[in-house]
């Protein structure tokens, strides 16, 4: 019975974590064209983690073929390198993950303004938002990221 429960929970998790995607190659091309200083390395391998970002080398590592992973890791580049909000990468991990996910959402909106994006990944951190952000800080960071994307990316269509 417990095994059935675990299988059912796993299926629910898969549905919750499934998100809107655009074509993977389109996402890769977009990042290469709009952010040429960012290197993308594809290392497809079986693991839970979809990708990672190294702010020192400005390199995105993609472990699963997912446009959401590409844009999320680009979100780290934007929030860490451009907006300079990294702080202590370990102490402020939740803050960085939330901002990367919001940046991912804003980038997806550039491709489809009727996007069905459920913020499943950032929901993991949602209970910590009030612990890591003052409302004014959150608004400021969100606005600066939005303005950056509008200025640097513009319209896709």
N, C-alpha and C. Protein backbone atom coordinates (compact mmCIF):
# COMPACT_ATOMS: atom_id res chain seq x y z
N UNK A 1 0.81 -1.18 0.00
CA UNK A 1 0.00 0.00 0.00
C UNK A 1 0.87 1.26 0.00
N UNK A 2 1.95 1.24 0.78
CA UNK A 2 2.84 2.39 0.83
C UNK A 2 3.50 2.65 -0.52
N UNK A 3 3.85 1.57 -1.23
CA UNK A 3 4.45 1.72 -2.56
C UNK A 3 3.47 2.38 -3.53
N UNK A 4 2.19 2.03 -3.43
CA UNK A 4 1.17 2.67 -4.26
C UNK A 4 1.07 4.16 -3.94
N UNK A 5 1.13 4.47 -2.66
CA UNK A 5 1.10 5.87 -2.24
C UNK A 5 2.28 6.64 -2.83
N UNK A 6 3.49 6.07 -2.74
CA UNK A 6 4.67 6.73 -3.28
C UNK A 6 4.56 6.92 -4.79
N UNK A 7 4.03 5.93 -5.49
CA UNK A 7 3.87 6.03 -6.93
C UNK A 7 2.86 7.14 -7.26
N UNK A 8 1.77 7.20 -6.53
CA UNK A 8 0.75 8.23 -6.75
C UNK A 8 1.33 9.62 -6.48
N UNK A 9 2.09 9.77 -5.40
CA UNK A 9 2.72 11.05 -5.08
C UNK A 9 3.72 11.45 -6.16
N UNK A 10 4.45 10.50 -6.69
CA UNK A 10 5.41 10.77 -7.76
C UNK A 10 4.70 11.28 -9.01
N UNK A 11 3.57 10.69 -9.35
CA UNK A 11 2.79 11.13 -10.51
C UNK A 11 2.24 12.54 -10.29
N UNK A 12 1.78 12.83 -9.11
CA UNK A 12 1.29 14.18 -8.79
C UNK A 12 2.42 15.18 -8.92
N UNK A 13 3.59 14.84 -8.38
CA UNK A 13 4.76 15.73 -8.48
C UNK A 13 5.13 16.00 -9.93
N UNK A 14 5.07 14.98 -10.77
CA UNK A 14 5.39 15.17 -12.18
C UNK A 14 4.43 16.15 -12.84
N UNK A 15 3.15 16.04 -12.51
CA UNK A 15 2.15 16.95 -13.08
C UNK A 15 2.36 18.37 -12.57
N UNK A 16 2.63 18.52 -11.29
CA UNK A 16 2.82 19.84 -10.71
C UNK A 16 4.07 20.50 -11.28
N UNK A 17 5.14 19.75 -11.41
CA UNK A 17 6.40 20.32 -11.87
C UNK A 17 6.43 20.53 -13.38
N UNK A 18 5.47 19.95 -14.11
CA UNK A 18 5.43 20.15 -15.55
C UNK A 18 5.00 21.59 -15.81
N UNK A 19 5.69 22.22 -16.71
CA UNK A 19 5.43 23.62 -16.98
C UNK A 19 5.38 23.87 -18.47
N UNK A 20 4.91 25.04 -18.80
CA UNK A 20 4.89 25.48 -20.19
C UNK A 20 6.32 25.46 -20.72
N UNK A 21 6.48 25.01 -21.92
CA UNK A 21 7.79 25.01 -22.56
C UNK A 21 7.65 25.62 -23.95
N UNK A 22 8.72 26.24 -24.40
CA UNK A 22 8.82 26.59 -25.81
C UNK A 22 9.82 25.61 -26.40
N UNK A 23 10.00 25.66 -27.69
CA UNK A 23 10.96 24.77 -28.35
C UNK A 23 12.35 24.97 -27.74
N UNK A 24 12.98 23.88 -27.35
CA UNK A 24 14.29 23.93 -26.69
C UNK A 24 15.33 24.65 -27.55
N UNK A 25 15.39 24.29 -28.85
CA UNK A 25 16.38 24.90 -29.73
C UNK A 25 16.15 26.40 -29.89
N UNK A 26 14.88 26.82 -29.85
CA UNK A 26 14.55 28.24 -29.90
C UNK A 26 15.10 28.96 -28.67
N UNK A 27 14.98 28.34 -27.51
CA UNK A 27 15.49 28.93 -26.27
C UNK A 27 17.01 29.06 -26.32
N UNK A 28 17.68 28.01 -26.79
CA UNK A 28 19.15 28.03 -26.89
C UNK A 28 19.59 29.13 -27.85
N UNK A 29 18.94 29.22 -29.00
CA UNK A 29 19.27 30.25 -30.00
C UNK A 29 19.04 31.64 -29.43
N UNK A 30 17.94 31.83 -28.72
CA UNK A 30 17.62 33.11 -28.11
C UNK A 30 18.73 33.55 -27.15
N UNK A 31 19.15 32.66 -26.26
CA UNK A 31 20.19 33.00 -25.29
C UNK A 31 21.50 33.31 -26.01
N UNK A 32 21.85 32.51 -27.00
CA UNK A 32 23.09 32.74 -27.74
C UNK A 32 23.11 34.09 -28.45
N UNK A 33 21.96 34.47 -29.00
CA UNK A 33 21.89 35.74 -29.73
C UNK A 33 21.81 36.94 -28.80
N UNK A 34 20.96 36.87 -27.78
CA UNK A 34 20.73 38.02 -26.91
C UNK A 34 21.74 38.15 -25.78
N UNK A 35 22.38 37.05 -25.41
CA UNK A 35 23.35 37.06 -24.31
C UNK A 35 24.62 36.33 -24.74
N UNK A 36 25.35 36.89 -25.71
CA UNK A 36 26.53 36.19 -26.25
C UNK A 36 27.64 35.96 -25.23
N UNK A 37 27.63 36.71 -24.14
CA UNK A 37 28.65 36.54 -23.10
C UNK A 37 28.41 35.29 -22.25
N UNK A 38 27.23 34.70 -22.39
CA UNK A 38 26.89 33.51 -21.62
C UNK A 38 27.15 32.27 -22.47
N UNK A 39 27.94 31.37 -21.93
CA UNK A 39 28.23 30.11 -22.62
C UNK A 39 27.24 29.05 -22.14
N UNK A 40 26.76 28.24 -23.07
CA UNK A 40 25.84 27.14 -22.71
C UNK A 40 26.55 25.82 -22.99
N UNK A 41 26.58 24.98 -21.97
CA UNK A 41 27.17 23.65 -22.10
C UNK A 41 26.07 22.63 -21.83
N UNK A 42 25.83 21.77 -22.80
CA UNK A 42 24.83 20.71 -22.63
C UNK A 42 25.53 19.46 -22.12
N UNK A 43 25.09 19.01 -20.98
CA UNK A 43 25.61 17.78 -20.36
C UNK A 43 24.42 16.93 -19.96
N UNK A 44 23.71 16.42 -20.95
CA UNK A 44 22.50 15.67 -20.65
C UNK A 44 22.85 14.42 -19.87
N UNK A 45 22.28 14.34 -18.69
CA UNK A 45 22.50 13.19 -17.83
C UNK A 45 21.30 13.02 -16.92
N UNK A 46 21.10 11.83 -16.48
CA UNK A 46 19.95 11.51 -15.64
C UNK A 46 20.19 11.98 -14.21
N UNK A 47 19.45 12.99 -13.82
CA UNK A 47 19.51 13.49 -12.45
C UNK A 47 18.31 14.39 -12.23
N UNK A 48 18.06 14.75 -10.97
CA UNK A 48 16.92 15.61 -10.64
C UNK A 48 17.14 17.04 -11.11
N UNK A 49 18.37 17.50 -11.04
CA UNK A 49 18.69 18.87 -11.39
C UNK A 49 18.61 19.07 -12.91
N UNK A 50 17.93 20.12 -13.35
CA UNK A 50 17.80 20.39 -14.78
C UNK A 50 18.96 21.20 -15.33
N UNK A 51 19.58 22.01 -14.48
CA UNK A 51 20.67 22.84 -14.95
C UNK A 51 21.35 23.55 -13.80
N UNK A 52 22.40 24.29 -14.13
CA UNK A 52 23.10 25.10 -13.13
C UNK A 52 23.77 26.27 -13.84
N UNK A 53 24.18 27.25 -13.05
CA UNK A 53 24.83 28.43 -13.58
C UNK A 53 26.06 28.74 -12.76
N UNK A 54 27.17 29.01 -13.44
CA UNK A 54 28.41 29.40 -12.78
C UNK A 54 28.63 30.89 -13.04
N UNK A 55 28.42 31.74 -12.01
CA UNK A 55 28.55 33.19 -12.23
C UNK A 55 29.98 33.64 -12.51
N UNK A 56 30.97 32.87 -12.10
CA UNK A 56 32.36 33.26 -12.35
C UNK A 56 32.73 33.13 -13.82
N UNK A 57 32.24 32.07 -14.46
CA UNK A 57 32.56 31.85 -15.88
C UNK A 57 31.41 32.27 -16.80
N UNK A 58 30.28 32.67 -16.22
CA UNK A 58 29.07 33.00 -16.96
C UNK A 58 28.67 31.84 -17.89
N UNK A 59 28.66 30.64 -17.28
CA UNK A 59 28.35 29.43 -18.04
C UNK A 59 27.11 28.75 -17.47
N UNK A 60 26.19 28.44 -18.39
CA UNK A 60 24.99 27.68 -18.05
C UNK A 60 25.25 26.23 -18.43
N UNK A 61 24.97 25.33 -17.49
CA UNK A 61 25.06 23.90 -17.75
C UNK A 61 23.64 23.36 -17.81
N UNK A 62 23.30 22.68 -18.87
CA UNK A 62 21.97 22.11 -19.05
C UNK A 62 22.08 20.59 -18.96
N UNK A 63 21.32 20.01 -18.03
CA UNK A 63 21.36 18.57 -17.80
C UNK A 63 20.15 17.86 -18.37
N UNK A 64 19.07 18.59 -18.62
CA UNK A 64 17.86 18.03 -19.22
C UNK A 64 17.41 18.97 -20.33
N UNK A 65 16.97 18.43 -21.42
CA UNK A 65 16.57 19.23 -22.58
C UNK A 65 15.25 19.94 -22.26
N UNK A 66 15.36 21.16 -21.72
CA UNK A 66 14.20 21.89 -21.24
C UNK A 66 14.43 23.38 -21.43
N UNK A 67 13.51 24.04 -22.13
CA UNK A 67 13.62 25.49 -22.28
C UNK A 67 13.43 26.18 -20.94
N UNK A 68 12.65 25.60 -20.06
CA UNK A 68 12.46 26.17 -18.73
C UNK A 68 13.79 26.18 -17.99
N UNK A 69 14.57 25.12 -18.11
CA UNK A 69 15.88 25.07 -17.46
C UNK A 69 16.81 26.13 -18.05
N UNK A 70 16.78 26.29 -19.36
CA UNK A 70 17.62 27.30 -20.01
C UNK A 70 17.28 28.69 -19.49
N UNK A 71 15.99 29.02 -19.47
CA UNK A 71 15.58 30.35 -19.03
C UNK A 71 15.77 30.55 -17.52
N UNK A 72 15.58 29.50 -16.74
CA UNK A 72 15.81 29.61 -15.30
C UNK A 72 17.29 29.93 -15.03
N UNK A 73 18.17 29.20 -15.67
CA UNK A 73 19.60 29.44 -15.45
C UNK A 73 20.02 30.80 -16.01
N UNK A 74 19.43 31.22 -17.12
CA UNK A 74 19.67 32.57 -17.61
C UNK A 74 19.16 33.58 -16.59
N UNK A 75 18.08 33.24 -15.90
CA UNK A 75 17.57 34.09 -14.83
C UNK A 75 18.61 34.30 -13.75
N UNK A 76 19.39 33.27 -13.44
CA UNK A 76 20.48 33.44 -12.47
C UNK A 76 21.50 34.43 -13.01
N UNK A 77 21.84 34.30 -14.28
CA UNK A 77 22.78 35.24 -14.88
C UNK A 77 22.28 36.68 -14.76
N UNK A 78 21.03 36.88 -15.09
CA UNK A 78 20.47 38.24 -15.05
C UNK A 78 20.41 38.78 -13.63
N UNK A 79 19.91 37.98 -12.70
CA UNK A 79 19.77 38.49 -11.33
C UNK A 79 21.10 38.61 -10.62
N UNK A 80 22.04 37.73 -10.91
CA UNK A 80 23.34 37.78 -10.23
C UNK A 80 24.28 38.76 -10.93
N UNK A 81 24.47 38.61 -12.21
CA UNK A 81 25.45 39.42 -12.92
C UNK A 81 24.97 40.81 -13.27
N UNK A 82 23.73 40.92 -13.68
CA UNK A 82 23.22 42.21 -14.16
C UNK A 82 22.64 43.04 -13.02
N UNK A 83 21.78 42.45 -12.21
CA UNK A 83 21.13 43.19 -11.14
C UNK A 83 21.96 43.27 -9.87
N UNK A 84 23.04 42.50 -9.80
CA UNK A 84 23.95 42.53 -8.66
C UNK A 84 23.25 42.26 -7.32
N UNK A 85 22.35 41.27 -7.30
CA UNK A 85 21.63 40.99 -6.05
C UNK A 85 22.04 39.67 -5.42
N UNK A 86 23.15 39.13 -5.83
CA UNK A 86 23.50 37.79 -5.38
C UNK A 86 23.68 37.68 -3.87
N UNK A 87 24.35 38.63 -3.27
CA UNK A 87 24.62 38.49 -1.85
C UNK A 87 25.42 37.23 -1.60
N UNK A 88 25.26 36.64 -0.46
CA UNK A 88 25.91 35.38 -0.15
C UNK A 88 25.13 34.26 -0.82
N UNK A 89 25.75 33.61 -1.77
CA UNK A 89 25.08 32.61 -2.61
C UNK A 89 24.46 31.48 -1.78
N UNK A 90 25.06 31.14 -0.66
CA UNK A 90 24.52 30.06 0.17
C UNK A 90 23.42 30.59 1.08
N UNK A 91 23.68 31.69 1.78
CA UNK A 91 22.70 32.25 2.70
C UNK A 91 21.45 32.73 1.97
N UNK A 92 21.60 33.21 0.75
CA UNK A 92 20.48 33.78 0.02
C UNK A 92 20.03 32.87 -1.13
N UNK A 93 20.22 31.58 -0.96
CA UNK A 93 19.86 30.62 -1.99
C UNK A 93 18.39 30.73 -2.39
N UNK A 94 17.51 30.79 -1.41
CA UNK A 94 16.07 30.87 -1.70
C UNK A 94 15.75 32.13 -2.50
N UNK A 95 16.34 33.25 -2.12
CA UNK A 95 16.11 34.51 -2.83
C UNK A 95 16.56 34.39 -4.28
N UNK A 96 17.73 33.84 -4.49
CA UNK A 96 18.24 33.68 -5.85
C UNK A 96 17.36 32.76 -6.69
N UNK A 97 16.88 31.69 -6.10
CA UNK A 97 16.02 30.76 -6.83
C UNK A 97 14.68 31.42 -7.20
N UNK A 98 14.12 32.17 -6.29
CA UNK A 98 12.85 32.85 -6.56
C UNK A 98 13.03 33.86 -7.68
N UNK A 99 14.09 34.64 -7.63
CA UNK A 99 14.30 35.66 -8.66
C UNK A 99 14.63 35.04 -10.02
N UNK A 100 15.36 33.92 -10.02
CA UNK A 100 15.64 33.24 -11.28
C UNK A 100 14.35 32.72 -11.90
N UNK A 101 13.46 32.23 -11.06
CA UNK A 101 12.19 31.70 -11.56
C UNK A 101 11.29 32.82 -12.08
N UNK A 102 11.28 33.94 -11.39
CA UNK A 102 10.50 35.09 -11.87
C UNK A 102 11.06 35.58 -13.20
N UNK A 103 12.38 35.63 -13.32
CA UNK A 103 13.01 36.03 -14.57
C UNK A 103 12.65 35.06 -15.68
N UNK A 104 12.65 33.77 -15.37
CA UNK A 104 12.24 32.74 -16.33
C UNK A 104 10.83 33.02 -16.82
N UNK A 105 9.93 33.30 -15.91
CA UNK A 105 8.55 33.60 -16.27
C UNK A 105 8.47 34.81 -17.19
N UNK A 106 9.19 35.88 -16.85
CA UNK A 106 9.17 37.08 -17.69
C UNK A 106 9.73 36.81 -19.08
N UNK A 107 10.75 35.97 -19.17
CA UNK A 107 11.30 35.61 -20.48
C UNK A 107 10.29 34.79 -21.28
N UNK A 108 9.63 33.84 -20.63
CA UNK A 108 8.60 33.07 -21.34
C UNK A 108 7.48 33.97 -21.85
N UNK A 109 7.12 34.99 -21.08
CA UNK A 109 6.08 35.91 -21.52
C UNK A 109 6.47 36.63 -22.80
N UNK A 110 7.75 36.82 -23.01
CA UNK A 110 8.21 37.44 -24.25
C UNK A 110 7.87 36.57 -25.47
N UNK A 111 7.80 35.26 -25.25
CA UNK A 111 7.48 34.35 -26.34
C UNK A 111 5.98 34.10 -26.45
N UNK A 112 5.27 34.18 -25.33
CA UNK A 112 3.84 33.88 -25.32
C UNK A 112 3.20 34.59 -24.14
N UNK A 113 2.46 35.68 -24.42
CA UNK A 113 1.90 36.44 -23.30
C UNK A 113 0.69 35.77 -22.66
N UNK A 114 0.27 34.63 -23.19
CA UNK A 114 -0.81 33.84 -22.56
C UNK A 114 -0.23 32.58 -21.94
N UNK A 115 0.97 32.70 -21.43
CA UNK A 115 1.71 31.55 -20.93
C UNK A 115 0.99 30.90 -19.73
N UNK A 116 1.05 29.59 -19.70
CA UNK A 116 0.50 28.83 -18.58
C UNK A 116 1.67 28.41 -17.71
N UNK A 117 2.10 29.31 -16.86
CA UNK A 117 3.29 29.08 -16.05
C UNK A 117 2.86 28.98 -14.60
N UNK A 118 3.14 27.86 -13.95
CA UNK A 118 2.58 27.63 -12.61
C UNK A 118 3.55 27.88 -11.45
N UNK A 119 4.76 28.31 -11.75
CA UNK A 119 5.75 28.59 -10.70
C UNK A 119 5.94 27.40 -9.77
N UNK A 120 5.84 26.21 -10.30
CA UNK A 120 5.95 25.01 -9.46
C UNK A 120 7.26 24.97 -8.70
N UNK A 121 8.36 25.27 -9.38
CA UNK A 121 9.65 25.20 -8.70
C UNK A 121 9.76 26.24 -7.60
N UNK A 122 9.34 27.48 -7.88
CA UNK A 122 9.47 28.51 -6.86
C UNK A 122 8.51 28.30 -5.70
N UNK A 123 7.47 27.51 -5.91
CA UNK A 123 6.57 27.20 -4.80
C UNK A 123 7.31 26.47 -3.67
N UNK A 124 8.37 25.78 -4.04
CA UNK A 124 9.20 25.13 -3.03
C UNK A 124 9.76 26.17 -2.06
N UNK A 125 10.04 27.36 -2.59
CA UNK A 125 10.63 28.43 -1.79
C UNK A 125 9.60 29.44 -1.29
N UNK A 126 8.36 29.32 -1.71
CA UNK A 126 7.34 30.34 -1.43
C UNK A 126 7.17 30.62 0.06
N UNK A 127 7.27 29.61 0.88
CA UNK A 127 7.10 29.83 2.31
C UNK A 127 8.24 30.65 2.91
N UNK A 128 9.30 30.86 2.15
CA UNK A 128 10.43 31.64 2.66
C UNK A 128 10.48 33.05 2.10
N UNK A 129 9.56 33.39 1.19
CA UNK A 129 9.61 34.71 0.55
C UNK A 129 9.62 35.82 1.58
N UNK A 130 8.74 35.76 2.55
CA UNK A 130 8.69 36.83 3.55
C UNK A 130 9.90 36.80 4.48
N UNK A 131 10.58 35.67 4.54
CA UNK A 131 11.82 35.59 5.33
C UNK A 131 13.00 36.22 4.61
N UNK A 132 13.00 36.17 3.27
CA UNK A 132 14.17 36.61 2.52
C UNK A 132 13.99 37.97 1.85
N UNK A 133 12.77 38.45 1.72
CA UNK A 133 12.53 39.73 1.07
C UNK A 133 11.71 40.67 1.94
N UNK A 134 12.10 41.91 1.96
CA UNK A 134 11.21 42.97 2.40
C UNK A 134 10.39 43.31 1.17
N UNK A 135 9.13 43.69 1.31
CA UNK A 135 8.27 43.92 0.15
C UNK A 135 8.84 44.98 -0.79
N UNK A 136 9.43 46.03 -0.24
CA UNK A 136 10.01 47.08 -1.08
C UNK A 136 11.18 46.55 -1.88
N UNK A 137 11.99 45.69 -1.26
CA UNK A 137 13.13 45.09 -1.95
C UNK A 137 12.64 44.19 -3.08
N UNK A 138 11.62 43.38 -2.79
CA UNK A 138 11.08 42.49 -3.81
C UNK A 138 10.55 43.30 -5.00
N UNK A 139 9.79 44.35 -4.72
CA UNK A 139 9.25 45.20 -5.79
C UNK A 139 10.37 45.83 -6.61
N UNK A 140 11.40 46.33 -5.92
CA UNK A 140 12.51 46.97 -6.61
C UNK A 140 13.23 45.97 -7.54
N UNK A 141 13.54 44.80 -7.01
CA UNK A 141 14.24 43.79 -7.80
C UNK A 141 13.39 43.33 -8.98
N UNK A 142 12.11 43.08 -8.72
CA UNK A 142 11.21 42.66 -9.80
C UNK A 142 11.15 43.74 -10.88
N UNK A 143 11.00 44.99 -10.49
CA UNK A 143 10.93 46.08 -11.46
C UNK A 143 12.23 46.23 -12.24
N UNK A 144 13.36 46.10 -11.57
CA UNK A 144 14.64 46.25 -12.28
C UNK A 144 14.86 45.11 -13.27
N UNK A 145 14.45 43.89 -12.90
CA UNK A 145 14.58 42.75 -13.82
C UNK A 145 13.63 42.94 -15.01
N UNK A 146 12.40 43.36 -14.73
CA UNK A 146 11.43 43.60 -15.81
C UNK A 146 11.95 44.65 -16.78
N UNK A 147 12.48 45.73 -16.24
CA UNK A 147 13.00 46.81 -17.09
C UNK A 147 14.20 46.34 -17.90
N UNK A 148 15.08 45.56 -17.27
CA UNK A 148 16.24 45.03 -17.99
C UNK A 148 15.79 44.15 -19.15
N UNK A 149 14.87 43.25 -18.89
CA UNK A 149 14.39 42.35 -19.95
C UNK A 149 13.74 43.15 -21.07
N UNK A 150 12.94 44.13 -20.72
CA UNK A 150 12.29 44.95 -21.74
C UNK A 150 13.32 45.68 -22.59
N UNK A 151 14.35 46.22 -21.95
CA UNK A 151 15.38 46.97 -22.66
C UNK A 151 16.28 46.06 -23.50
N UNK A 152 16.75 44.97 -22.91
CA UNK A 152 17.72 44.10 -23.57
C UNK A 152 17.09 43.12 -24.55
N UNK A 153 15.90 42.69 -24.26
CA UNK A 153 15.27 41.66 -25.08
C UNK A 153 14.27 42.26 -26.05
N UNK A 154 13.49 43.22 -25.58
CA UNK A 154 12.48 43.84 -26.45
C UNK A 154 11.42 42.84 -26.84
N UNK A 155 10.84 43.04 -27.99
CA UNK A 155 9.79 42.12 -28.49
C UNK A 155 10.41 40.97 -29.26
N UNK A 156 9.85 39.80 -29.07
CA UNK A 156 10.33 38.60 -29.76
C UNK A 156 9.65 38.47 -31.12
N UNK A 157 8.32 38.65 -31.14
CA UNK A 157 7.56 38.43 -32.37
C UNK A 157 7.95 39.38 -33.45
